C-alpha atoms as a PDB file:
ATOM      1  CA  UNK A   1     -29.269  15.570   3.028  1.00  0.00           C
ATOM      2  CA  UNK A   2     -25.626  15.830   4.182  1.00  0.00           C
ATOM      3  CA  UNK A   3     -25.436  12.298   5.559  1.00  0.00           C
ATOM      4  CA  UNK A   4     -26.095   9.074   3.692  1.00  0.00           C
ATOM      5  CA  UNK A   5     -28.014   6.269   5.333  1.00  0.00           C
ATOM      6  CA  UNK A   6     -27.188   2.580   5.074  1.00  0.00           C
ATOM      7  CA  UNK A   7     -29.810   2.224   2.342  1.00  0.00           C
ATOM      8  CA  UNK A   8     -28.020   4.743   0.125  1.00  0.00           C
ATOM      9  CA  UNK A   9     -24.748   2.820   0.471  1.00  0.00           C
ATOM     10  CA  UNK A  10     -26.477  -0.518  -0.264  1.00  0.00           C
ATOM     11  CA  UNK A  11     -28.027   0.879  -3.440  1.00  0.00           C
ATOM     12  CA  UNK A  12     -24.636   2.241  -4.566  1.00  0.00           C
ATOM     13  CA  UNK A  13     -23.024  -1.132  -3.823  1.00  0.00           C
ATOM     14  CA  UNK A  14     -25.657  -3.002  -5.861  1.00  0.00           C
ATOM     15  CA  UNK A  15     -25.188  -0.635  -8.808  1.00  0.00           C
ATOM     16  CA  UNK A  16     -21.394  -1.022  -8.679  1.00  0.00           C
ATOM     17  CA  UNK A  17     -21.684  -4.824  -8.591  1.00  0.00           C
ATOM     18  CA  UNK A  18     -24.111  -4.776 -11.520  1.00  0.00           C
ATOM     19  CA  UNK A  19     -21.870  -2.508 -13.591  1.00  0.00           C
ATOM     20  CA  UNK A  20     -18.483  -4.121 -12.909  1.00  0.00           C
ATOM     21  CA  UNK A  21     -19.362  -7.668 -11.863  1.00  0.00           C
ATOM     22  CA  UNK A  22     -18.063  -9.588  -8.887  1.00  0.00           C
ATOM     23  CA  UNK A  23     -15.086 -11.174 -10.669  1.00  0.00           C
ATOM     24  CA  UNK A  24     -13.643  -7.843 -11.771  1.00  0.00           C
ATOM     25  CA  UNK A  25     -14.189  -6.310  -8.324  1.00  0.00           C
ATOM     26  CA  UNK A  26     -12.438  -9.284  -6.714  1.00  0.00           C
ATOM     27  CA  UNK A  27      -9.457  -8.849  -9.051  1.00  0.00           C
ATOM     28  CA  UNK A  28      -9.285  -5.129  -8.283  1.00  0.00           C
ATOM     29  CA  UNK A  29      -9.348  -5.882  -4.554  1.00  0.00           C
ATOM     30  CA  UNK A  30      -6.616  -8.494  -4.912  1.00  0.00           C
ATOM     31  CA  UNK A  31      -4.431  -6.120  -6.940  1.00  0.00           C
ATOM     32  CA  UNK A  32      -4.958  -3.292  -4.479  1.00  0.00           C
ATOM     33  CA  UNK A  33      -4.082  -5.550  -1.535  1.00  0.00           C
ATOM     34  CA  UNK A  34      -0.931  -6.739  -3.301  1.00  0.00           C
ATOM     35  CA  UNK A  35       0.106  -3.159  -4.041  1.00  0.00           C
ATOM     36  CA  UNK A  36      -0.333  -2.151  -0.387  1.00  0.00           C
ATOM     37  CA  UNK A  37       1.646  -5.206   0.739  1.00  0.00           C
ATOM     38  CA  UNK A  38       4.504  -4.433  -1.661  1.00  0.00           C
ATOM     39  CA  UNK A  39       4.501  -0.769  -0.602  1.00  0.00           C
ATOM     40  CA  UNK A  40       4.812  -1.698   3.082  1.00  0.00           C
ATOM     41  CA  UNK A  41       7.560  -4.207   2.262  1.00  0.00           C
ATOM     42  CA  UNK A  42       9.453  -1.510   0.350  1.00  0.00           C
ATOM     43  CA  UNK A  43       9.159   0.894   3.264  1.00  0.00           C
ATOM     44  CA  UNK A  44      10.547  -1.715   5.665  1.00  0.00           C
ATOM     45  CA  UNK A  45      13.460  -2.511   3.340  1.00  0.00           C
ATOM     46  CA  UNK A  46      14.212   1.192   2.965  1.00  0.00           C
ATOM     47  CA  UNK A  47      14.348   1.618   6.740  1.00  0.00           C
ATOM     48  CA  UNK A  48      16.766  -1.302   7.080  1.00  0.00           C
ATOM     49  CA  UNK A  49      19.082   0.108   4.395  1.00  0.00           C
ATOM     50  CA  UNK A  50      19.011   3.599   5.890  1.00  0.00           C
ATOM     51  CA  UNK A  51      19.993   2.211   9.289  1.00  0.00           C
ATOM     52  CA  UNK A  52      22.947   0.321   7.830  1.00  0.00           C
ATOM     53  CA  UNK A  53      24.179   3.293   5.777  1.00  0.00           C
ATOM     54  CA  UNK A  54      24.277   5.630   8.762  1.00  0.00           C
ATOM     55  CA  UNK A  55      26.685   3.400  10.743  1.00  0.00           C
ATOM     56  CA  UNK A  56      29.543   3.499   8.207  1.00  0.00           C
ATOM     57  CA  UNK A  57      32.718   5.062   9.647  1.00  0.00           C
ATOM     58  CA  UNK A  58      35.808   6.093   7.719  1.00  0.00           C
ATOM     59  CA  UNK A  59      39.301   5.565   9.114  1.00  0.00           C
ATOM     60  CA  UNK A  60      42.250   7.766   8.160  1.00  0.00           C
ATOM     61  CA  UNK A  61      45.354   6.035   6.868  1.00  0.00           C
ATOM     62  CA  UNK A  62      48.670   6.863   8.546  1.00  0.00           C
ATOM     63  CA  UNK A  63      51.345   8.103   6.159  1.00  0.00           C
ATOM     64  CA  UNK A  64      54.741   7.340   7.632  1.00  0.00           C
END
């Protein structure tokens, strides 16, 4: 009772496809994939900016 067999998952999949349709599920998958891609791209850009910001050094001006 605690574990689902492959037949349970197939029945759930068939019901989901019947309720939502394949076109809508494909669009949801495409949107989710695009969101994950953009999230990873944002993380990489944030790492690059953080690395550049940490290297900044300030020089003191001499007053003569």
